[in-house]
Amino acid sequence: CVTRLNLLKLAPGGNFGRFIIWTQGAFKKLTDIYGTSKSGASLKKNYHMPRAQMENADLDRIINSTEVQSSLKPKLEAPKKFQVKVNPLKSKRVMAELNPFAA
């Protein structure tokens, strides 16, 4: 029944892909319940379909456009890596470099 849609019955376990056959009457009933993007819903008061926030959903083209790239900060250089200090009490090689007479 279109008026009592249940996500758990349509997609048990959260996996979409169950084969469902929708009739023309079911689509008409959905339009009556939820309305369209241009007209409001007739069965729900003060309900309007959510509108897409983006007109153009081609994000790769938008992000890589010259307008966006020109306003971005330049890429930061990687921070300098410092040499890890080795404990001379645990490393004989380092102890020999610091104090050749320690051995």
N, C-alpha and C. Protein backbone atom coordinates (compact mmCIF):
# COMPACT_ATOMS: atom_id res chain seq x y z
N CYS A 1 0.84 -1.17 0.00
CA CYS A 1 0.00 0.00 0.00
C CYS A 1 0.90 1.24 0.00
N VAL A 2 0.62 2.16 -0.86
CA VAL A 2 1.47 3.33 -1.03
C VAL A 2 1.38 4.26 0.17
N THR A 3 0.25 4.30 0.84
CA THR A 3 0.09 5.23 1.96
C THR A 3 0.86 4.78 3.20
N ARG A 4 1.26 3.51 3.26
CA ARG A 4 1.98 2.99 4.42
C ARG A 4 3.31 2.37 3.97
N LEU A 5 4.16 3.16 3.33
CA LEU A 5 5.45 2.66 2.88
C LEU A 5 6.35 2.43 4.09
N ASN A 6 7.05 1.31 4.07
CA ASN A 6 7.95 0.96 5.16
C ASN A 6 9.29 0.60 4.56
N LEU A 7 10.33 1.30 4.97
CA LEU A 7 11.66 1.07 4.41
C LEU A 7 12.15 -0.33 4.73
N LEU A 8 11.83 -0.85 5.91
CA LEU A 8 12.29 -2.19 6.28
C LEU A 8 11.63 -3.28 5.43
N LYS A 9 10.44 -3.01 4.93
CA LYS A 9 9.80 -4.00 4.05
C LYS A 9 10.28 -3.84 2.61
N LEU A 10 10.59 -2.59 2.22
CA LEU A 10 11.09 -2.37 0.86
C LEU A 10 12.53 -2.83 0.72
N ALA A 11 13.33 -2.60 1.76
CA ALA A 11 14.75 -2.95 1.70
C ALA A 11 15.16 -3.57 3.03
N PRO A 12 14.87 -4.85 3.24
CA PRO A 12 15.25 -5.45 4.52
C PRO A 12 16.76 -5.50 4.68
N GLY A 13 17.22 -5.15 5.87
CA GLY A 13 18.65 -5.13 6.13
C GLY A 13 19.34 -3.92 5.54
N GLY A 14 18.60 -2.97 5.01
CA GLY A 14 19.20 -1.77 4.45
C GLY A 14 19.78 -1.96 3.06
N ASN A 15 19.53 -3.10 2.43
CA ASN A 15 20.06 -3.36 1.08
C ASN A 15 18.98 -3.07 0.05
N PHE A 16 19.20 -1.99 -0.70
CA PHE A 16 18.25 -1.67 -1.76
C PHE A 16 18.46 -2.62 -2.93
N GLY A 17 17.45 -2.83 -3.68
CA GLY A 17 17.58 -3.67 -4.85
C GLY A 17 16.49 -4.71 -4.96
N ARG A 18 15.54 -4.69 -4.05
CA ARG A 18 14.43 -5.63 -4.15
C ARG A 18 13.59 -5.25 -5.36
N PHE A 19 13.15 -6.24 -6.10
CA PHE A 19 12.38 -6.01 -7.31
C PHE A 19 10.96 -5.62 -6.94
N ILE A 20 10.56 -4.39 -7.29
CA ILE A 20 9.23 -3.88 -6.98
C ILE A 20 8.62 -3.38 -8.27
N ILE A 21 7.39 -3.72 -8.48
CA ILE A 21 6.66 -3.24 -9.66
C ILE A 21 5.71 -2.15 -9.20
N TRP A 22 5.88 -0.96 -9.76
CA TRP A 22 5.03 0.17 -9.41
C TRP A 22 4.00 0.35 -10.54
N THR A 23 2.77 0.54 -10.18
CA THR A 23 1.71 0.76 -11.17
C THR A 23 1.53 2.26 -11.36
N GLN A 24 0.79 2.59 -12.40
CA GLN A 24 0.53 4.00 -12.68
C GLN A 24 -0.32 4.60 -11.57
N GLY A 25 -1.22 3.83 -11.00
CA GLY A 25 -2.03 4.31 -9.90
C GLY A 25 -1.20 4.59 -8.65
N ALA A 26 -0.16 3.76 -8.43
CA ALA A 26 0.72 3.98 -7.28
C ALA A 26 1.49 5.29 -7.44
N PHE A 27 1.97 5.57 -8.64
CA PHE A 27 2.68 6.83 -8.87
C PHE A 27 1.75 8.02 -8.71
N LYS A 28 0.50 7.88 -9.14
CA LYS A 28 -0.47 8.96 -8.98
C LYS A 28 -0.75 9.19 -7.50
N LYS A 29 -0.84 8.11 -6.73
CA LYS A 29 -1.08 8.23 -5.30
C LYS A 29 0.12 8.89 -4.60
N LEU A 30 1.35 8.54 -5.02
CA LEU A 30 2.54 9.19 -4.47
C LEU A 30 2.55 10.68 -4.77
N THR A 31 2.11 11.05 -5.97
CA THR A 31 2.04 12.46 -6.33
C THR A 31 1.00 13.17 -5.47
N ASP A 32 -0.13 12.50 -5.18
CA ASP A 32 -1.14 13.10 -4.31
C ASP A 32 -0.61 13.28 -2.89
N ILE A 33 0.15 12.30 -2.40
CA ILE A 33 0.64 12.36 -1.03
C ILE A 33 1.76 13.38 -0.89
N TYR A 34 2.78 13.30 -1.75
CA TYR A 34 3.97 14.12 -1.60
C TYR A 34 4.02 15.32 -2.53
N GLY A 35 3.20 15.35 -3.54
CA GLY A 35 3.20 16.46 -4.48
C GLY A 35 4.37 16.37 -5.45
N THR A 36 4.58 17.42 -6.19
CA THR A 36 5.71 17.49 -7.12
C THR A 36 6.59 18.66 -6.72
N SER A 37 7.66 18.87 -7.47
CA SER A 37 8.56 19.98 -7.12
C SER A 37 7.90 21.33 -7.40
N LYS A 38 6.89 21.37 -8.26
CA LYS A 38 6.24 22.63 -8.60
C LYS A 38 4.97 22.87 -7.81
N SER A 39 4.29 21.79 -7.40
CA SER A 39 3.04 21.96 -6.66
C SER A 39 3.14 21.26 -5.31
N GLY A 40 2.40 21.73 -4.36
CA GLY A 40 2.42 21.15 -3.02
C GLY A 40 1.63 19.86 -2.97
N ALA A 41 1.68 19.22 -1.82
CA ALA A 41 0.98 17.96 -1.62
C ALA A 41 -0.48 18.25 -1.30
N SER A 42 -1.37 17.45 -1.89
CA SER A 42 -2.79 17.68 -1.62
C SER A 42 -3.25 16.92 -0.38
N LEU A 43 -2.62 15.82 -0.03
CA LEU A 43 -3.04 15.05 1.14
C LEU A 43 -2.27 15.42 2.41
N LYS A 44 -1.13 16.08 2.29
CA LYS A 44 -0.36 16.53 3.45
C LYS A 44 -0.41 18.04 3.48
N LYS A 45 -0.75 18.58 4.62
CA LYS A 45 -0.83 20.03 4.72
C LYS A 45 0.56 20.61 4.95
N ASN A 46 0.85 21.71 4.28
CA ASN A 46 2.10 22.45 4.40
C ASN A 46 3.33 21.58 4.11
N TYR A 47 3.21 20.61 3.23
CA TYR A 47 4.35 19.78 2.85
C TYR A 47 4.76 20.13 1.43
N HIS A 48 6.04 20.39 1.26
CA HIS A 48 6.60 20.64 -0.07
C HIS A 48 7.79 19.72 -0.26
N MET A 49 7.93 19.21 -1.47
CA MET A 49 9.05 18.31 -1.77
C MET A 49 10.36 19.04 -1.56
N PRO A 50 11.35 18.37 -0.96
CA PRO A 50 12.65 19.02 -0.82
C PRO A 50 13.27 19.28 -2.18
N ARG A 51 13.91 20.41 -2.30
CA ARG A 51 14.50 20.81 -3.57
C ARG A 51 15.99 20.53 -3.53
N ALA A 52 16.54 20.20 -4.65
CA ALA A 52 17.98 19.94 -4.73
C ALA A 52 18.74 21.22 -4.40
N GLN A 53 19.79 21.10 -3.61
CA GLN A 53 20.57 22.27 -3.20
C GLN A 53 21.47 22.75 -4.32
N MET A 54 21.84 21.85 -5.22
CA MET A 54 22.75 22.21 -6.31
C MET A 54 22.03 22.06 -7.65
N GLU A 55 22.20 23.04 -8.48
CA GLU A 55 21.64 22.95 -9.82
C GLU A 55 22.47 22.03 -10.69
N ASN A 56 23.79 22.11 -10.53
CA ASN A 56 24.71 21.31 -11.33
C ASN A 56 25.47 20.38 -10.38
N ALA A 57 25.25 19.09 -10.48
CA ALA A 57 25.86 18.15 -9.55
C ALA A 57 27.17 17.58 -10.07
N ASP A 58 27.76 18.17 -11.10
CA ASP A 58 29.03 17.70 -11.63
C ASP A 58 30.16 18.32 -10.80
N LEU A 59 30.45 17.70 -9.64
CA LEU A 59 31.39 18.27 -8.69
C LEU A 59 32.81 18.34 -9.22
N ASP A 60 33.23 17.34 -9.98
CA ASP A 60 34.60 17.35 -10.51
C ASP A 60 34.83 18.58 -11.38
N ARG A 61 33.87 18.88 -12.22
CA ARG A 61 34.01 20.03 -13.11
C ARG A 61 33.97 21.33 -12.31
N ILE A 62 33.14 21.39 -11.28
CA ILE A 62 33.05 22.60 -10.47
C ILE A 62 34.34 22.82 -9.68
N ILE A 63 34.83 21.77 -9.02
CA ILE A 63 36.03 21.91 -8.19
C ILE A 63 37.26 22.24 -9.03
N ASN A 64 37.37 21.64 -10.20
CA ASN A 64 38.54 21.86 -11.04
C ASN A 64 38.41 23.08 -11.94
N SER A 65 37.34 23.84 -11.80
CA SER A 65 37.18 25.02 -12.64
C SER A 65 38.18 26.10 -12.24
N THR A 66 38.48 26.97 -13.15
CA THR A 66 39.47 28.02 -12.88
C THR A 66 38.97 29.00 -11.84
N GLU A 67 37.67 29.25 -11.78
CA GLU A 67 37.12 30.18 -10.80
C GLU A 67 37.35 29.68 -9.38
N VAL A 68 37.11 28.39 -9.16
CA VAL A 68 37.29 27.84 -7.82
C VAL A 68 38.77 27.70 -7.50
N GLN A 69 39.56 27.21 -8.44
CA GLN A 69 40.98 26.99 -8.19
C GLN A 69 41.72 28.32 -7.95
N SER A 70 41.27 29.40 -8.56
CA SER A 70 41.94 30.67 -8.37
C SER A 70 41.68 31.25 -6.98
N SER A 71 40.59 30.87 -6.34
CA SER A 71 40.29 31.41 -5.02
C SER A 71 40.80 30.54 -3.88
N LEU A 72 41.35 29.37 -4.20
CA LEU A 72 41.86 28.49 -3.15
C LEU A 72 43.26 28.90 -2.72
N LYS A 73 43.61 28.55 -1.51
CA LYS A 73 44.97 28.79 -1.03
C LYS A 73 45.91 27.83 -1.74
N PRO A 74 47.18 28.23 -1.92
CA PRO A 74 48.12 27.31 -2.57
C PRO A 74 48.37 26.09 -1.70
N LYS A 75 48.79 25.02 -2.33
CA LYS A 75 49.03 23.77 -1.63
C LYS A 75 50.21 23.94 -0.67
N LEU A 76 50.04 23.47 0.56
CA LEU A 76 51.09 23.60 1.56
C LEU A 76 52.18 22.57 1.30
N GLU A 77 53.42 22.99 1.59
CA GLU A 77 54.52 22.06 1.46
C GLU A 77 54.52 21.13 2.67
N ALA A 78 55.04 19.94 2.48
CA ALA A 78 55.10 18.99 3.57
C ALA A 78 56.06 19.51 4.64
N PRO A 79 55.74 19.31 5.90
CA PRO A 79 56.63 19.79 6.95
C PRO A 79 57.97 19.05 6.91
N LYS A 80 59.02 19.74 7.34
CA LYS A 80 60.34 19.13 7.33
C LYS A 80 60.37 18.01 8.36
N LYS A 81 61.00 16.92 7.97
CA LYS A 81 61.12 15.79 8.88
C LYS A 81 62.47 15.87 9.58
N PHE A 82 62.42 15.79 10.87
CA PHE A 82 63.63 15.84 11.65
C PHE A 82 64.11 14.42 11.93
N GLN A 83 65.41 14.31 12.10
CA GLN A 83 66.00 13.00 12.37
C GLN A 83 65.60 12.55 13.77
N VAL A 84 65.22 11.30 13.88
CA VAL A 84 64.81 10.75 15.16
C VAL A 84 66.06 10.52 16.00
N LYS A 85 66.03 11.03 17.21
CA LYS A 85 67.18 10.85 18.10
C LYS A 85 67.17 9.43 18.65
N VAL A 86 68.37 8.83 18.66
CA VAL A 86 68.51 7.47 19.16
C VAL A 86 69.16 7.55 20.55
N ASN A 87 68.63 6.77 21.45
CA ASN A 87 69.14 6.75 22.82
C ASN A 87 70.53 6.09 22.83
N PRO A 88 71.56 6.83 23.23
CA PRO A 88 72.91 6.24 23.23
C PRO A 88 73.08 5.12 24.26
N LEU A 89 72.21 5.09 25.28
CA LEU A 89 72.31 4.02 26.27
C LEU A 89 71.81 2.70 25.73
N LYS A 90 71.00 2.76 24.68
CA LYS A 90 70.44 1.54 24.09
C LYS A 90 71.13 1.16 22.78
N SER A 91 71.83 2.10 22.15
CA SER A 91 72.48 1.84 20.87
C SER A 91 73.99 1.98 21.04
N LYS A 92 74.69 0.87 20.81
CA LYS A 92 76.16 0.90 20.95
C LYS A 92 76.79 1.77 19.87
N ARG A 93 76.22 1.79 18.69
CA ARG A 93 76.76 2.59 17.60
C ARG A 93 76.72 4.08 17.95
N VAL A 94 75.59 4.54 18.47
CA VAL A 94 75.47 5.96 18.83
C VAL A 94 76.38 6.28 20.00
N MET A 95 76.47 5.37 20.98
CA MET A 95 77.35 5.60 22.12
C MET A 95 78.80 5.70 21.66
N ALA A 96 79.18 4.89 20.68
CA ALA A 96 80.56 4.94 20.16
C ALA A 96 80.83 6.25 19.45
N GLU A 97 79.82 6.81 18.80
CA GLU A 97 80.00 8.12 18.14
C GLU A 97 80.16 9.22 19.18
N LEU A 98 79.37 9.14 20.25
CA LEU A 98 79.44 10.17 21.27
C LEU A 98 80.71 10.05 22.12
N ASN A 99 81.03 8.84 22.52
CA ASN A 99 82.16 8.61 23.41
C ASN A 99 82.92 7.38 22.92
N PRO A 100 83.97 7.56 22.13
CA PRO A 100 84.69 6.41 21.57
C PRO A 100 85.36 5.55 22.65
N PHE A 101 85.56 6.08 23.81
CA PHE A 101 86.29 5.33 24.87
C PHE A 101 85.31 4.63 25.81
N ALA A 102 84.00 4.64 25.52
CA ALA A 102 83.00 4.05 26.43
C ALA A 102 83.02 2.53 26.37
N ALA A 103 83.45 1.94 25.30
CA ALA A 103 83.43 0.48 25.17
C ALA A 103 84.51 -0.09 26.02
